N, C-alpha and C. Protein backbone atom coordinates (compact mmCIF):
# COMPACT_ATOMS: atom_id res chain seq x y z
N UNK A 1 -67.51 184.61 -52.53
CA UNK A 1 -68.80 184.03 -52.84
C UNK A 1 -68.69 183.12 -54.07
N UNK A 2 -67.94 183.56 -55.06
CA UNK A 2 -67.77 182.77 -56.27
C UNK A 2 -67.11 181.42 -55.94
N UNK A 3 -66.12 181.46 -55.05
CA UNK A 3 -65.42 180.23 -54.64
C UNK A 3 -66.38 179.27 -53.94
N UNK A 4 -67.26 179.78 -53.11
CA UNK A 4 -68.23 178.95 -52.38
C UNK A 4 -69.18 178.27 -53.37
N UNK A 5 -69.66 179.02 -54.35
CA UNK A 5 -70.56 178.44 -55.35
C UNK A 5 -69.86 177.35 -56.15
N UNK A 6 -68.62 177.60 -56.55
CA UNK A 6 -67.87 176.59 -57.31
C UNK A 6 -67.63 175.35 -56.46
N UNK A 7 -67.33 175.56 -55.19
CA UNK A 7 -67.10 174.42 -54.29
C UNK A 7 -68.37 173.60 -54.11
N UNK A 8 -69.50 174.27 -53.96
CA UNK A 8 -70.77 173.55 -53.82
C UNK A 8 -71.11 172.77 -55.09
N UNK A 9 -70.87 173.35 -56.24
CA UNK A 9 -71.11 172.65 -57.50
C UNK A 9 -70.23 171.42 -57.59
N UNK A 10 -68.96 171.56 -57.21
CA UNK A 10 -68.04 170.43 -57.26
C UNK A 10 -68.48 169.32 -56.31
N UNK A 11 -68.91 169.69 -55.11
CA UNK A 11 -69.38 168.68 -54.15
C UNK A 11 -70.63 167.97 -54.66
N UNK A 12 -71.55 168.70 -55.24
CA UNK A 12 -72.76 168.09 -55.79
C UNK A 12 -72.41 167.13 -56.92
N UNK A 13 -71.53 167.54 -57.77
CA UNK A 13 -71.10 166.68 -58.88
C UNK A 13 -70.43 165.42 -58.36
N UNK A 14 -69.58 165.56 -57.35
CA UNK A 14 -68.91 164.41 -56.75
C UNK A 14 -69.94 163.46 -56.15
N UNK A 15 -70.92 163.97 -55.45
CA UNK A 15 -71.95 163.13 -54.83
C UNK A 15 -72.74 162.37 -55.90
N UNK A 16 -73.10 163.05 -56.96
CA UNK A 16 -73.83 162.40 -58.05
C UNK A 16 -72.98 161.35 -58.74
N UNK A 17 -71.71 161.63 -58.93
CA UNK A 17 -70.82 160.69 -59.60
C UNK A 17 -70.62 159.44 -58.75
N UNK A 18 -70.43 159.62 -57.45
CA UNK A 18 -70.23 158.48 -56.56
C UNK A 18 -71.44 157.56 -56.57
N UNK A 19 -72.64 158.13 -56.46
CA UNK A 19 -73.83 157.29 -56.44
C UNK A 19 -74.09 156.66 -57.80
N UNK A 20 -73.62 157.29 -58.86
CA UNK A 20 -73.81 156.73 -60.20
C UNK A 20 -73.01 155.45 -60.39
N UNK A 21 -71.91 155.30 -59.67
CA UNK A 21 -71.08 154.11 -59.81
C UNK A 21 -71.50 152.99 -58.87
N UNK A 22 -72.37 153.27 -57.90
CA UNK A 22 -72.85 152.22 -57.01
C UNK A 22 -73.66 151.22 -57.82
N UNK A 23 -73.53 149.96 -57.47
CA UNK A 23 -74.22 148.91 -58.20
C UNK A 23 -75.23 148.21 -57.31
N UNK A 24 -76.19 147.56 -57.96
CA UNK A 24 -77.12 146.68 -57.26
C UNK A 24 -76.84 145.26 -57.71
N UNK A 25 -76.62 144.38 -56.73
CA UNK A 25 -76.32 142.97 -56.98
C UNK A 25 -77.53 142.15 -56.57
N UNK A 26 -77.90 141.18 -57.38
CA UNK A 26 -79.06 140.35 -57.08
C UNK A 26 -78.63 139.00 -56.51
N UNK A 27 -79.32 138.60 -55.46
CA UNK A 27 -79.11 137.29 -54.83
C UNK A 27 -80.46 136.59 -54.82
N UNK A 28 -80.49 135.38 -55.35
CA UNK A 28 -81.73 134.61 -55.41
C UNK A 28 -81.87 133.75 -54.16
N UNK A 29 -83.07 133.73 -53.59
CA UNK A 29 -83.38 132.88 -52.44
C UNK A 29 -84.16 131.68 -53.00
N UNK A 30 -83.52 130.48 -52.94
CA UNK A 30 -84.07 129.33 -53.65
C UNK A 30 -84.22 128.09 -52.76
N UNK A 31 -85.20 127.25 -53.13
CA UNK A 31 -85.35 125.96 -52.47
C UNK A 31 -84.25 124.99 -52.88
N UNK A 32 -83.83 125.10 -54.13
CA UNK A 32 -82.78 124.22 -54.65
C UNK A 32 -81.98 124.99 -55.68
N UNK A 33 -80.66 124.80 -55.62
CA UNK A 33 -79.76 125.44 -56.57
C UNK A 33 -78.60 124.53 -56.88
N UNK A 34 -77.58 125.06 -57.49
CA UNK A 34 -76.43 124.25 -57.90
C UNK A 34 -75.68 123.65 -56.70
N UNK A 35 -75.78 124.27 -55.53
CA UNK A 35 -75.10 123.75 -54.34
C UNK A 35 -76.00 122.83 -53.50
N UNK A 36 -77.23 122.59 -53.97
CA UNK A 36 -78.13 121.71 -53.23
C UNK A 36 -79.36 122.44 -52.76
N UNK A 37 -80.01 121.90 -51.71
CA UNK A 37 -81.25 122.52 -51.22
C UNK A 37 -80.99 123.73 -50.33
N UNK A 38 -81.97 124.62 -50.29
CA UNK A 38 -81.96 125.80 -49.42
C UNK A 38 -80.68 126.62 -49.59
N UNK A 39 -80.66 127.42 -50.66
CA UNK A 39 -79.45 128.18 -50.99
C UNK A 39 -79.77 129.61 -51.39
N UNK A 40 -78.76 130.42 -51.23
CA UNK A 40 -78.71 131.74 -51.87
C UNK A 40 -77.79 131.56 -53.07
N UNK A 41 -78.16 132.14 -54.18
CA UNK A 41 -77.28 132.13 -55.35
C UNK A 41 -77.07 133.55 -55.82
N UNK A 42 -75.82 134.01 -55.77
CA UNK A 42 -74.61 133.33 -55.30
C UNK A 42 -74.57 133.30 -53.77
N UNK A 43 -73.68 132.45 -53.24
CA UNK A 43 -73.54 132.36 -51.79
C UNK A 43 -72.37 133.21 -51.28
N UNK A 44 -71.65 133.86 -52.22
CA UNK A 44 -70.56 134.76 -51.85
C UNK A 44 -70.50 135.90 -52.86
N UNK A 45 -70.44 137.11 -52.35
CA UNK A 45 -70.34 138.30 -53.20
C UNK A 45 -69.20 139.19 -52.72
N UNK A 46 -68.51 139.81 -53.66
CA UNK A 46 -67.56 140.87 -53.35
C UNK A 46 -68.10 142.14 -53.98
N UNK A 47 -68.39 143.14 -53.14
CA UNK A 47 -68.99 144.38 -53.61
C UNK A 47 -68.19 145.56 -53.07
N UNK A 48 -68.56 146.75 -53.49
CA UNK A 48 -67.88 147.96 -53.05
C UNK A 48 -68.79 148.74 -52.08
N UNK A 49 -68.18 149.54 -51.18
CA UNK A 49 -68.99 150.38 -50.31
C UNK A 49 -69.95 151.24 -51.15
N UNK A 50 -71.19 151.33 -50.70
CA UNK A 50 -72.21 152.08 -51.42
C UNK A 50 -73.08 151.20 -52.30
N UNK A 51 -72.63 149.96 -52.55
CA UNK A 51 -73.42 149.03 -53.36
C UNK A 51 -74.60 148.49 -52.54
N UNK A 52 -75.59 148.01 -53.28
CA UNK A 52 -76.80 147.44 -52.69
C UNK A 52 -76.92 145.98 -53.11
N UNK A 53 -77.38 145.15 -52.20
CA UNK A 53 -77.68 143.75 -52.50
C UNK A 53 -79.19 143.59 -52.39
N UNK A 54 -79.78 143.10 -53.47
CA UNK A 54 -81.23 142.86 -53.49
C UNK A 54 -81.46 141.36 -53.39
N UNK A 55 -82.16 140.95 -52.35
CA UNK A 55 -82.49 139.55 -52.12
C UNK A 55 -83.84 139.27 -52.77
N UNK A 56 -83.85 138.37 -53.75
CA UNK A 56 -85.03 138.11 -54.57
C UNK A 56 -85.60 136.72 -54.25
N UNK A 57 -86.86 136.69 -53.90
CA UNK A 57 -87.53 135.43 -53.57
C UNK A 57 -87.85 134.66 -54.85
N UNK A 58 -87.31 133.47 -54.95
CA UNK A 58 -87.64 132.59 -56.08
C UNK A 58 -88.63 131.51 -55.65
N UNK A 59 -88.71 131.23 -54.36
CA UNK A 59 -89.64 130.26 -53.79
C UNK A 59 -90.17 130.83 -52.48
N UNK A 60 -91.27 130.31 -52.00
CA UNK A 60 -91.88 130.79 -50.76
C UNK A 60 -91.08 130.35 -49.54
N UNK A 61 -91.33 131.05 -48.44
CA UNK A 61 -90.84 130.71 -47.10
C UNK A 61 -89.39 131.09 -46.85
N UNK A 62 -88.84 132.05 -47.60
CA UNK A 62 -87.45 132.48 -47.38
C UNK A 62 -87.41 133.94 -46.96
N UNK A 63 -86.30 134.29 -46.31
CA UNK A 63 -86.01 135.68 -46.00
C UNK A 63 -84.50 135.87 -46.01
N UNK A 64 -84.07 137.07 -45.78
CA UNK A 64 -82.66 137.39 -45.62
C UNK A 64 -82.52 138.16 -44.32
N UNK A 65 -81.53 137.77 -43.52
CA UNK A 65 -81.28 138.43 -42.24
C UNK A 65 -79.79 138.38 -41.95
N UNK A 66 -79.30 139.43 -41.33
CA UNK A 66 -77.88 139.46 -40.98
C UNK A 66 -77.62 138.54 -39.79
N UNK A 67 -76.38 138.09 -39.69
CA UNK A 67 -75.94 137.25 -38.57
C UNK A 67 -75.02 138.13 -37.72
N UNK A 68 -75.42 138.43 -36.50
CA UNK A 68 -74.68 139.35 -35.65
C UNK A 68 -73.23 138.92 -35.45
N UNK A 69 -72.99 137.62 -35.25
CA UNK A 69 -71.64 137.12 -34.99
C UNK A 69 -70.74 137.20 -36.23
N UNK A 70 -71.36 137.35 -37.39
CA UNK A 70 -70.60 137.42 -38.64
C UNK A 70 -70.84 138.78 -39.32
N UNK A 71 -70.78 139.82 -38.52
CA UNK A 71 -70.94 141.19 -39.00
C UNK A 71 -69.92 142.07 -38.30
N UNK A 72 -69.50 143.16 -38.96
CA UNK A 72 -68.56 144.08 -38.30
C UNK A 72 -69.14 144.65 -37.01
N UNK A 73 -68.27 144.96 -36.08
CA UNK A 73 -68.70 145.55 -34.80
C UNK A 73 -69.50 146.82 -35.06
N UNK A 74 -70.61 146.94 -34.36
CA UNK A 74 -71.44 148.13 -34.47
C UNK A 74 -72.47 148.08 -35.59
N UNK A 75 -72.42 147.05 -36.44
CA UNK A 75 -73.40 146.96 -37.53
C UNK A 75 -74.77 146.67 -36.93
N UNK A 76 -75.79 147.48 -37.24
CA UNK A 76 -77.11 147.28 -36.63
C UNK A 76 -77.85 146.05 -37.14
N UNK A 77 -77.47 145.56 -38.32
CA UNK A 77 -78.11 144.38 -38.87
C UNK A 77 -79.49 144.67 -39.47
N UNK A 78 -80.08 143.60 -40.01
CA UNK A 78 -81.42 143.71 -40.59
C UNK A 78 -82.07 142.35 -40.55
N UNK A 79 -83.39 142.32 -40.60
CA UNK A 79 -84.16 141.09 -40.69
C UNK A 79 -85.29 141.33 -41.68
N UNK A 80 -85.22 140.67 -42.82
CA UNK A 80 -86.30 140.75 -43.79
C UNK A 80 -87.44 139.84 -43.37
N UNK A 81 -88.64 140.20 -43.77
CA UNK A 81 -89.81 139.37 -43.48
C UNK A 81 -89.82 138.15 -44.41
N UNK A 82 -90.48 137.09 -43.98
CA UNK A 82 -90.63 135.90 -44.81
C UNK A 82 -91.34 136.30 -46.11
N UNK A 83 -90.82 135.82 -47.22
CA UNK A 83 -91.33 136.09 -48.57
C UNK A 83 -91.13 137.54 -49.03
N UNK A 84 -90.34 138.32 -48.30
CA UNK A 84 -90.09 139.71 -48.67
C UNK A 84 -88.83 139.82 -49.51
N UNK A 85 -88.94 140.52 -50.62
CA UNK A 85 -87.75 140.90 -51.37
C UNK A 85 -87.24 142.17 -50.72
N UNK A 86 -85.97 142.18 -50.39
CA UNK A 86 -85.41 143.29 -49.62
C UNK A 86 -84.11 143.74 -50.26
N UNK A 87 -83.87 145.03 -50.24
CA UNK A 87 -82.62 145.60 -50.75
C UNK A 87 -81.86 146.20 -49.57
N UNK A 88 -80.58 145.82 -49.46
CA UNK A 88 -79.75 146.27 -48.34
C UNK A 88 -78.53 146.98 -48.91
N UNK A 89 -78.31 148.20 -48.47
CA UNK A 89 -77.14 148.97 -48.91
C UNK A 89 -76.01 148.78 -47.90
N UNK A 90 -74.81 148.51 -48.42
CA UNK A 90 -73.63 148.30 -47.58
C UNK A 90 -72.67 149.45 -47.79
N UNK A 91 -72.49 150.27 -46.75
CA UNK A 91 -71.62 151.43 -46.85
C UNK A 91 -70.22 151.19 -46.27
N UNK A 92 -70.11 150.30 -45.31
CA UNK A 92 -68.85 150.11 -44.60
C UNK A 92 -68.16 148.82 -45.01
N UNK A 93 -66.83 148.90 -45.17
CA UNK A 93 -66.03 147.73 -45.52
C UNK A 93 -66.13 146.67 -44.43
N UNK A 94 -66.05 145.42 -44.84
CA UNK A 94 -66.09 144.31 -43.90
C UNK A 94 -66.77 143.11 -44.51
N UNK A 95 -66.90 142.06 -43.72
CA UNK A 95 -67.59 140.84 -44.13
C UNK A 95 -68.92 140.77 -43.39
N UNK A 96 -69.96 140.34 -44.12
CA UNK A 96 -71.31 140.29 -43.57
C UNK A 96 -71.92 138.91 -43.83
N UNK A 97 -72.25 138.19 -42.76
CA UNK A 97 -72.92 136.90 -42.88
C UNK A 97 -74.42 137.09 -42.98
N UNK A 98 -75.03 136.31 -43.87
CA UNK A 98 -76.47 136.38 -44.10
C UNK A 98 -77.08 135.00 -43.94
N UNK A 99 -78.30 134.95 -43.38
CA UNK A 99 -79.00 133.68 -43.20
C UNK A 99 -80.46 133.84 -43.61
N UNK A 100 -81.05 132.72 -43.98
CA UNK A 100 -82.50 132.61 -44.09
C UNK A 100 -82.94 132.07 -42.73
N UNK A 101 -83.70 132.86 -42.00
CA UNK A 101 -84.03 132.51 -40.62
C UNK A 101 -84.65 131.11 -40.49
N UNK A 102 -85.68 130.73 -41.28
CA UNK A 102 -86.25 129.40 -41.09
C UNK A 102 -85.36 128.26 -41.62
N UNK A 103 -84.40 128.56 -42.45
CA UNK A 103 -83.58 127.50 -43.06
C UNK A 103 -82.09 127.63 -42.71
N UNK A 104 -81.80 128.33 -41.63
CA UNK A 104 -80.42 128.56 -41.21
C UNK A 104 -79.68 127.24 -40.98
N UNK A 105 -80.23 126.37 -40.14
CA UNK A 105 -79.56 125.10 -39.83
C UNK A 105 -79.48 124.18 -41.04
N UNK A 106 -80.34 124.42 -42.04
CA UNK A 106 -80.31 123.63 -43.27
C UNK A 106 -79.25 124.16 -44.24
N UNK A 107 -78.54 125.19 -43.83
CA UNK A 107 -77.42 125.68 -44.63
C UNK A 107 -77.72 126.83 -45.56
N UNK A 108 -78.84 127.50 -45.39
CA UNK A 108 -79.15 128.62 -46.28
C UNK A 108 -78.47 129.87 -45.74
N UNK A 109 -77.20 130.04 -46.17
CA UNK A 109 -76.35 131.13 -45.71
C UNK A 109 -75.54 131.68 -46.88
N UNK A 110 -75.01 132.87 -46.66
CA UNK A 110 -74.10 133.46 -47.64
C UNK A 110 -73.20 134.45 -46.93
N UNK A 111 -72.16 134.90 -47.64
CA UNK A 111 -71.22 135.87 -47.10
C UNK A 111 -71.00 136.97 -48.13
N UNK A 112 -70.98 138.21 -47.65
CA UNK A 112 -70.75 139.36 -48.51
C UNK A 112 -69.49 140.08 -48.03
N UNK A 113 -68.56 140.29 -48.94
CA UNK A 113 -67.35 141.08 -48.66
C UNK A 113 -67.57 142.46 -49.25
N UNK A 114 -67.41 143.48 -48.42
CA UNK A 114 -67.57 144.85 -48.88
C UNK A 114 -66.22 145.54 -48.82
N UNK A 115 -65.77 146.03 -49.97
CA UNK A 115 -64.53 146.79 -50.03
C UNK A 115 -63.30 145.96 -49.73
N UNK A 116 -62.27 146.66 -49.27
CA UNK A 116 -60.98 146.04 -48.96
C UNK A 116 -61.03 145.56 -47.52
N UNK A 117 -61.31 144.30 -47.33
CA UNK A 117 -61.46 143.75 -45.98
C UNK A 117 -60.76 142.40 -45.90
N UNK A 118 -60.34 142.06 -44.70
CA UNK A 118 -59.74 140.76 -44.42
C UNK A 118 -60.70 139.97 -43.54
N UNK A 119 -60.88 138.70 -43.89
CA UNK A 119 -61.79 137.86 -43.11
C UNK A 119 -61.29 137.73 -41.67
N UNK A 120 -62.09 138.17 -40.70
CA UNK A 120 -61.66 138.08 -39.29
C UNK A 120 -61.52 136.62 -38.83
N UNK A 121 -60.54 136.37 -37.99
CA UNK A 121 -60.34 135.03 -37.44
C UNK A 121 -61.56 134.56 -36.65
N UNK A 122 -62.29 135.49 -36.05
CA UNK A 122 -63.47 135.13 -35.25
C UNK A 122 -64.55 134.48 -36.11
N UNK A 123 -64.57 134.77 -37.40
CA UNK A 123 -65.57 134.18 -38.28
C UNK A 123 -65.34 132.67 -38.39
N UNK A 124 -64.09 132.28 -38.58
CA UNK A 124 -63.78 130.85 -38.68
C UNK A 124 -64.07 130.13 -37.36
N UNK A 125 -63.88 130.82 -36.25
CA UNK A 125 -64.10 130.21 -34.93
C UNK A 125 -65.59 130.06 -34.61
N UNK A 126 -66.43 130.90 -35.21
CA UNK A 126 -67.87 130.84 -34.96
C UNK A 126 -68.45 129.55 -35.53
N UNK A 127 -69.29 128.89 -34.77
CA UNK A 127 -69.94 127.66 -35.22
C UNK A 127 -71.42 127.92 -35.50
N UNK A 128 -71.75 127.95 -36.76
CA UNK A 128 -73.14 128.11 -37.16
C UNK A 128 -73.86 126.77 -36.97
N UNK A 129 -75.17 126.78 -36.83
CA UNK A 129 -75.90 125.53 -36.60
C UNK A 129 -75.97 124.65 -37.84
N UNK A 130 -75.96 123.34 -37.60
CA UNK A 130 -76.19 122.35 -38.67
C UNK A 130 -75.30 122.50 -39.88
N UNK A 131 -75.91 122.38 -41.05
CA UNK A 131 -75.20 122.43 -42.33
C UNK A 131 -74.63 123.82 -42.62
N UNK A 132 -75.17 124.85 -41.97
CA UNK A 132 -74.70 126.21 -42.20
C UNK A 132 -73.20 126.33 -41.93
N UNK A 133 -72.72 125.66 -40.88
CA UNK A 133 -71.30 125.74 -40.55
C UNK A 133 -70.45 125.17 -41.68
N UNK A 134 -70.86 124.04 -42.21
CA UNK A 134 -70.13 123.41 -43.33
C UNK A 134 -70.10 124.34 -44.54
N UNK A 135 -71.23 124.96 -44.84
CA UNK A 135 -71.27 125.87 -46.01
C UNK A 135 -70.40 127.10 -45.80
N UNK A 136 -70.39 127.63 -44.59
CA UNK A 136 -69.50 128.77 -44.33
C UNK A 136 -68.04 128.35 -44.47
N UNK A 137 -67.69 127.19 -43.97
CA UNK A 137 -66.30 126.72 -44.10
C UNK A 137 -65.91 126.57 -45.57
N UNK A 138 -66.84 126.11 -46.40
CA UNK A 138 -66.57 126.00 -47.84
C UNK A 138 -66.35 127.38 -48.46
N UNK A 139 -67.15 128.35 -48.05
CA UNK A 139 -66.99 129.72 -48.56
C UNK A 139 -65.63 130.27 -48.13
N UNK A 140 -65.27 130.08 -46.86
CA UNK A 140 -63.98 130.57 -46.36
C UNK A 140 -62.82 129.95 -47.16
N UNK A 141 -62.93 128.66 -47.47
CA UNK A 141 -61.88 128.00 -48.26
C UNK A 141 -61.74 128.61 -49.64
N UNK A 142 -62.87 128.92 -50.26
CA UNK A 142 -62.82 129.56 -51.58
C UNK A 142 -62.16 130.93 -51.51
N UNK A 143 -62.45 131.68 -50.45
CA UNK A 143 -61.86 133.00 -50.28
C UNK A 143 -60.34 132.89 -50.14
N UNK A 144 -59.89 131.92 -49.37
CA UNK A 144 -58.44 131.74 -49.16
C UNK A 144 -57.71 131.37 -50.44
N UNK A 145 -58.39 130.70 -51.37
CA UNK A 145 -57.76 130.28 -52.62
C UNK A 145 -57.64 131.43 -53.62
N UNK A 146 -58.31 132.53 -53.37
CA UNK A 146 -58.28 133.64 -54.32
C UNK A 146 -56.95 134.38 -54.26
């Protein structure tokens, strides 16, 4: 019985410690930023499993939504409402593409790397609409230079 109690205490402590190290990262949804019009700042994040990304509205008419073709297999995805600030927790390693639904073709996209992951070849092969494809290619180039 004593061993069981000690084990439970250790597990509780481990759970509290793990969640204490999780971070929240802020991403701004903007009409104009350093990369031009209709942007997320930053447009690329590297985070750890268990971290949360909070999408913060700086201007009206934006949202954050996952891109199914640029998400790990089996990821259920999410769609934030227009003008909604939303927090998304990422538990599984991989790359996650994000778009602003009304401004997707205008290039309002970003990429999140969670944990130790390699950019899948299918991501480069995927063609996003309009300016979004060019912005993703720029992000991929920056990742390769790291």
